[in-house]
Every structure is written in C-alpha cells, then in structure tokens.
Amino acid sequence: MLMNTKLSTILLGGAAFAVIGAGFALSQAVDPRIEQFDKGPATINVSGYPAAIQQDYAVFTQKCSQCHKLSRPINSDFVLPDEWSRYIHRMMSKPGSGIDSGSGAKIYDFLVYDSSVRKKAKLDAKLAKASPAEKAAAEAKIKEVVGKYK
C-alpha cells in the first residue's frame, strides 16, 4: 500500500510538472502574425514629422523596446485609434513596462499620427469597412490627434 502511494505521488508530480512545462512552452510560443511583424523594419524615419511627434517617437522607442522589438508595433496591422488604445493599455498593464499614463498618451499620439501618414492606405481600407459610427469616431480621434501637432 505504501509503495502504491509513493508511486501515485511520483506519477502525479510528474504529470503536474509536464502540464506546467507545456503551459510555459505555450506561453513562449509566438503567434505567426506577430512573428511576421517582428521581421520587418524596426525604425521609422520621422524627420518629416512635427517636432513634438518626433519627441513622442523617442518616448515610443524608449518605452516599447523594453519588452519587445520595435518592429512589432511598427509593422503591425493596427491603424485605428481604438486598436492603438487597446494595445497601449494592454502594454501599460504589463509588470515592468514603465509606461505611465503620460507616456502612454505620447505613444498613442505618435502611433495614431504615424498611422495617418505612413499607414494611410491601410487606415483608409479599415475605415472603408467600418460602420458609419465607427468610421466617424475613428476619424474624429485622428483629427484630434493630428490637429494637436499642426
């Protein structure tokens, strides 16, 4: 009986270790779409952008490179203000991100501005598929951000 208990304990412990190991492996797996974004360019030429947006780009590069390659957000298919807002809030909630609300606002402004310039074709395509209310809301947010830097 004692032998069966020891054997059961060993098997249960081994199974738990295997489940934990599998969970860790899954958590380290990278979504193929994200992997593709990571392979693209990791910088943006912002020399033609307004000086304040260039400063926001500096915040973006400093903060966002702490946890992942800059190529990920630079090459992502996010272009709508709400997509960037959700992404930034998710990053702000990660332990050690160092992104406070002030930095988050600068990163948001940079990404929305950049999407309206560098990713304009993608932005227009997403806006064309949006409902009239979603399109109007997105355009208002873009206008608000871009308007701050004119």
C-alpha atoms as a PDB file:
ATOM      1  CA  MET A   1       0.000   0.000   0.000  1.00  0.00           C
ATOM      2  CA  LEU A   2       2.828   2.392   0.891  1.00  0.00           C
ATOM      3  CA  MET A   3       4.502   1.571  -2.441  1.00  0.00           C
ATOM      4  CA  ASN A   4       1.294   2.398  -4.360  1.00  0.00           C
ATOM      5  CA  THR A   5       1.008   5.738  -2.533  1.00  0.00           C
ATOM      6  CA  LYS A   6       4.624   6.629  -3.371  1.00  0.00           C
ATOM      7  CA  LEU A   7       4.172   5.580  -6.980  1.00  0.00           C
ATOM      8  CA  SER A   8       0.931   7.594  -7.234  1.00  0.00           C
ATOM      9  CA  THR A   9       2.644  10.634  -5.726  1.00  0.00           C
ATOM     10  CA  ILE A  10       5.542  10.350  -8.164  1.00  0.00           C
ATOM     11  CA  LEU A  11       3.230   9.931 -11.153  1.00  0.00           C
ATOM     12  CA  LEU A  12       1.018  12.822 -10.038  1.00  0.00           C
ATOM     13  CA  GLY A  13       4.054  15.038  -9.515  1.00  0.00           C
ATOM     14  CA  GLY A  14       5.403  14.095 -12.927  1.00  0.00           C
ATOM     15  CA  ALA A  15       2.073  14.853 -14.576  1.00  0.00           C
ATOM     16  CA  ALA A  16       1.870  18.235 -12.843  1.00  0.00           C
ATOM     17  CA  PHE A  17       5.417  19.045 -13.968  1.00  0.00           C
ATOM     18  CA  ALA A  18       4.521  18.080 -17.549  1.00  0.00           C
ATOM     19  CA  VAL A  19       1.407  20.274 -17.510  1.00  0.00           C
ATOM     20  CA  ILE A  20       3.367  23.229 -16.123  1.00  0.00           C
ATOM     21  CA  GLY A  21       6.092  22.706 -18.720  1.00  0.00           C
ATOM     22  CA  ALA A  22       3.570  22.540 -21.545  1.00  0.00           C
ATOM     23  CA  GLY A  23       1.880  25.700 -20.287  1.00  0.00           C
ATOM     24  CA  PHE A  24       5.227  27.504 -20.190  1.00  0.00           C
ATOM     25  CA  ALA A  25       6.052  26.341 -23.709  1.00  0.00           C
ATOM     26  CA  LEU A  26       2.692  27.606 -24.975  1.00  0.00           C
ATOM     27  CA  SER A  27       3.196  30.951 -23.261  1.00  0.00           C
ATOM     28  CA  GLN A  28       6.534  31.339 -25.042  1.00  0.00           C
ATOM     29  CA  ALA A  29       5.110  30.500 -28.463  1.00  0.00           C
ATOM     30  CA  VAL A  30       4.818  33.478 -30.769  1.00  0.00           C
ATOM     31  CA  ASP A  31       1.747  33.993 -32.925  1.00  0.00           C
ATOM     32  CA  PRO A  32       2.871  33.633 -36.588  1.00  0.00           C
ATOM     33  CA  ARG A  33       1.304  37.011 -37.386  1.00  0.00           C
ATOM     34  CA  ILE A  34       3.307  38.693 -34.631  1.00  0.00           C
ATOM     35  CA  GLU A  35       6.405  36.836 -35.760  1.00  0.00           C
ATOM     36  CA  GLN A  36       5.909  38.358 -39.223  1.00  0.00           C
ATOM     37  CA  PHE A  37       5.642  41.869 -37.723  1.00  0.00           C
ATOM     38  CA  ASP A  38       8.870  41.268 -35.784  1.00  0.00           C
ATOM     39  CA  LYS A  39      10.742  40.580 -39.036  1.00  0.00           C
ATOM     40  CA  GLY A  40      10.020  43.982 -40.568  1.00  0.00           C
ATOM     41  CA  PRO A  41      11.847  47.294 -40.144  1.00  0.00           C
ATOM     42  CA  ALA A  42      12.481  48.389 -36.544  1.00  0.00           C
ATOM     43  CA  THR A  43      12.749  52.126 -37.145  1.00  0.00           C
ATOM     44  CA  ILE A  44      10.738  54.865 -38.818  1.00  0.00           C
ATOM     45  CA  ASN A  45      12.159  57.949 -40.496  1.00  0.00           C
ATOM     46  CA  VAL A  46      10.251  60.647 -38.619  1.00  0.00           C
ATOM     47  CA  SER A  47      12.367  63.568 -39.850  1.00  0.00           C
ATOM     48  CA  GLY A  48       9.362  64.940 -41.779  1.00  0.00           C
ATOM     49  CA  TYR A  49       7.031  64.694 -38.782  1.00  0.00           C
ATOM     50  CA  PRO A  50       6.339  67.669 -36.474  1.00  0.00           C
ATOM     51  CA  ALA A  51       8.947  68.164 -33.728  1.00  0.00           C
ATOM     52  CA  ALA A  52       6.507  67.191 -30.956  1.00  0.00           C
ATOM     53  CA  ILE A  53       5.651  63.915 -32.737  1.00  0.00           C
ATOM     54  CA  GLN A  54       9.385  63.259 -33.111  1.00  0.00           C
ATOM     55  CA  GLN A  55       9.655  63.642 -29.326  1.00  0.00           C
ATOM     56  CA  ASP A  56       6.726  61.238 -28.885  1.00  0.00           C
ATOM     57  CA  TYR A  57       8.570  58.813 -31.187  1.00  0.00           C
ATOM     58  CA  ALA A  58      11.538  58.971 -28.807  1.00  0.00           C
ATOM     59  CA  VAL A  59       9.229  58.004 -25.906  1.00  0.00           C
ATOM     60  CA  PHE A  60       7.761  55.207 -28.044  1.00  0.00           C
ATOM     61  CA  THR A  61      11.210  53.804 -28.908  1.00  0.00           C
ATOM     62  CA  GLN A  62      12.464  54.025 -25.328  1.00  0.00           C
ATOM     63  CA  LYS A  63       9.428  52.510 -23.607  1.00  0.00           C
ATOM     64  CA  CYS A  64       8.265  49.957 -26.137  1.00  0.00           C
ATOM     65  CA  SER A  65      11.704  48.465 -26.799  1.00  0.00           C
ATOM     66  CA  GLN A  66      11.947  47.377 -23.151  1.00  0.00           C
ATOM     67  CA  CYS A  67       9.614  44.420 -23.689  1.00  0.00           C
ATOM     68  CA  HIS A  68       9.593  43.610 -27.420  1.00  0.00           C
ATOM     69  CA  LYS A  69      11.122  44.538 -30.741  1.00  0.00           C
ATOM     70  CA  LEU A  70      10.008  47.914 -32.074  1.00  0.00           C
ATOM     71  CA  SER A  71       9.322  46.220 -35.377  1.00  0.00           C
ATOM     72  CA  ARG A  72       6.240  44.602 -33.784  1.00  0.00           C
ATOM     73  CA  PRO A  73       4.143  47.780 -33.405  1.00  0.00           C
ATOM     74  CA  ILE A  74       5.806  49.478 -36.391  1.00  0.00           C
ATOM     75  CA  ASN A  75       4.769  46.696 -38.774  1.00  0.00           C
ATOM     76  CA  SER A  76       1.542  45.628 -37.095  1.00  0.00           C
ATOM     77  CA  ASP A  77      -1.754  45.901 -38.894  1.00  0.00           C
ATOM     78  CA  PHE A  78      -3.111  48.208 -36.186  1.00  0.00           C
ATOM     79  CA  VAL A  79      -4.028  51.595 -37.624  1.00  0.00           C
ATOM     80  CA  LEU A  80      -7.282  52.651 -35.965  1.00  0.00           C
ATOM     81  CA  PRO A  81      -7.121  54.819 -32.839  1.00  0.00           C
ATOM     82  CA  ASP A  82      -9.119  52.279 -30.799  1.00  0.00           C
ATOM     83  CA  GLU A  83      -6.731  49.485 -31.812  1.00  0.00           C
ATOM     84  CA  TRP A  84      -3.788  51.544 -30.587  1.00  0.00           C
ATOM     85  CA  SER A  85      -5.611  52.499 -27.402  1.00  0.00           C
ATOM     86  CA  ARG A  86      -6.314  48.847 -26.530  1.00  0.00           C
ATOM     87  CA  TYR A  87      -2.734  47.833 -27.402  1.00  0.00           C
ATOM     88  CA  ILE A  88      -1.168  50.583 -25.297  1.00  0.00           C
ATOM     89  CA  HIS A  89      -3.447  49.900 -22.311  1.00  0.00           C
ATOM     90  CA  ARG A  90      -2.530  46.211 -22.516  1.00  0.00           C
ATOM     91  CA  MET A  91       1.182  47.130 -22.506  1.00  0.00           C
ATOM     92  CA  MET A  92       0.691  49.579 -19.621  1.00  0.00           C
ATOM     93  CA  SER A  93      -0.775  46.780 -17.504  1.00  0.00           C
ATOM     94  CA  LYS A  94       2.249  44.511 -18.002  1.00  0.00           C
ATOM     95  CA  PRO A  95       4.562  44.389 -14.981  1.00  0.00           C
ATOM     96  CA  GLY A  96       7.739  46.356 -15.531  1.00  0.00           C
ATOM     97  CA  SER A  97       6.571  48.129 -18.692  1.00  0.00           C
ATOM     98  CA  GLY A  98       7.275  51.517 -17.143  1.00  0.00           C
ATOM     99  CA  ILE A  99       4.522  53.053 -19.268  1.00  0.00           C
ATOM    100  CA  ASP A 100       2.561  55.504 -17.163  1.00  0.00           C
ATOM    101  CA  SER A 101      -0.452  57.463 -18.379  1.00  0.00           C
ATOM    102  CA  GLY A 102       1.703  60.369 -19.607  1.00  0.00           C
ATOM    103  CA  SER A 103       4.000  58.104 -21.619  1.00  0.00           C
ATOM    104  CA  GLY A 104       1.008  56.130 -22.828  1.00  0.00           C
ATOM    105  CA  ALA A 105      -0.616  59.308 -24.171  1.00  0.00           C
ATOM    106  CA  LYS A 106       2.567  60.255 -26.052  1.00  0.00           C
ATOM    107  CA  ILE A 107       2.899  56.754 -27.500  1.00  0.00           C
ATOM    108  CA  TYR A 108      -0.776  56.830 -28.521  1.00  0.00           C
ATOM    109  CA  ASP A 109      -0.405  60.209 -30.231  1.00  0.00           C
ATOM    110  CA  PHE A 110       2.681  59.020 -32.076  1.00  0.00           C
ATOM    111  CA  LEU A 111       1.081  55.780 -33.264  1.00  0.00           C
ATOM    112  CA  VAL A 112      -2.185  57.428 -34.337  1.00  0.00           C
ATOM    113  CA  TYR A 113      -0.295  60.198 -36.157  1.00  0.00           C
ATOM    114  CA  ASP A 114       2.078  57.724 -37.793  1.00  0.00           C
ATOM    115  CA  SER A 115      -0.815  55.513 -38.899  1.00  0.00           C
ATOM    116  CA  SER A 116      -2.486  58.519 -40.520  1.00  0.00           C
ATOM    117  CA  VAL A 117       0.667  59.200 -42.550  1.00  0.00           C
ATOM    118  CA  ARG A 118       2.812  56.110 -43.083  1.00  0.00           C
ATOM    119  CA  LYS A 119      -0.017  53.558 -42.978  1.00  0.00           C
ATOM    120  CA  LYS A 120      -2.605  55.750 -44.722  1.00  0.00           C
ATOM    121  CA  ALA A 121      -3.633  53.099 -47.287  1.00  0.00           C
ATOM    122  CA  LYS A 122      -4.211  50.508 -44.532  1.00  0.00           C
ATOM    123  CA  LEU A 123      -6.087  53.068 -42.466  1.00  0.00           C
ATOM    124  CA  ASP A 124      -8.323  54.028 -45.399  1.00  0.00           C
ATOM    125  CA  ALA A 125      -9.048  50.347 -46.105  1.00  0.00           C
ATOM    126  CA  LYS A 126     -10.093  49.698 -42.483  1.00  0.00           C
ATOM    127  CA  LEU A 127     -12.190  52.853 -42.365  1.00  0.00           C
ATOM    128  CA  ALA A 128     -13.966  51.781 -45.569  1.00  0.00           C
ATOM    129  CA  LYS A 129     -15.022  48.538 -43.842  1.00  0.00           C
ATOM    130  CA  ALA A 130     -16.098  50.211 -40.599  1.00  0.00           C
ATOM    131  CA  SER A 131     -19.687  51.063 -39.765  1.00  0.00           C
ATOM    132  CA  PRO A 132     -20.596  54.730 -40.253  1.00  0.00           C
ATOM    133  CA  ALA A 133     -20.497  55.319 -36.479  1.00  0.00           C
ATOM    134  CA  GLU A 134     -17.133  53.568 -36.062  1.00  0.00           C
ATOM    135  CA  LYS A 135     -15.709  55.462 -39.037  1.00  0.00           C
ATOM    136  CA  ALA A 136     -16.907  58.814 -37.684  1.00  0.00           C
ATOM    137  CA  ALA A 137     -15.479  58.082 -34.219  1.00  0.00           C
ATOM    138  CA  ALA A 138     -12.120  56.998 -35.632  1.00  0.00           C
ATOM    139  CA  GLU A 139     -11.890  59.994 -37.939  1.00  0.00           C
ATOM    140  CA  ALA A 140     -12.716  62.353 -35.053  1.00  0.00           C
ATOM    141  CA  LYS A 141      -9.940  60.845 -32.910  1.00  0.00           C
ATOM    142  CA  ILE A 142      -7.444  61.026 -35.773  1.00  0.00           C
ATOM    143  CA  LYS A 143      -8.403  64.654 -36.452  1.00  0.00           C
ATOM    144  CA  GLU A 144      -7.994  65.457 -32.751  1.00  0.00           C
ATOM    145  CA  VAL A 145      -4.505  63.925 -32.576  1.00  0.00           C
ATOM    146  CA  VAL A 146      -3.262  65.333 -35.895  1.00  0.00           C
ATOM    147  CA  GLY A 147      -4.735  68.734 -35.044  1.00  0.00           C
ATOM    148  CA  LYS A 148      -2.603  68.978 -31.893  1.00  0.00           C
ATOM    149  CA  TYR A 149       0.552  68.887 -33.991  1.00  0.00           C
ATOM    150  CA  LYS A 150      -0.218  71.364 -36.786  1.00  0.00           C
END
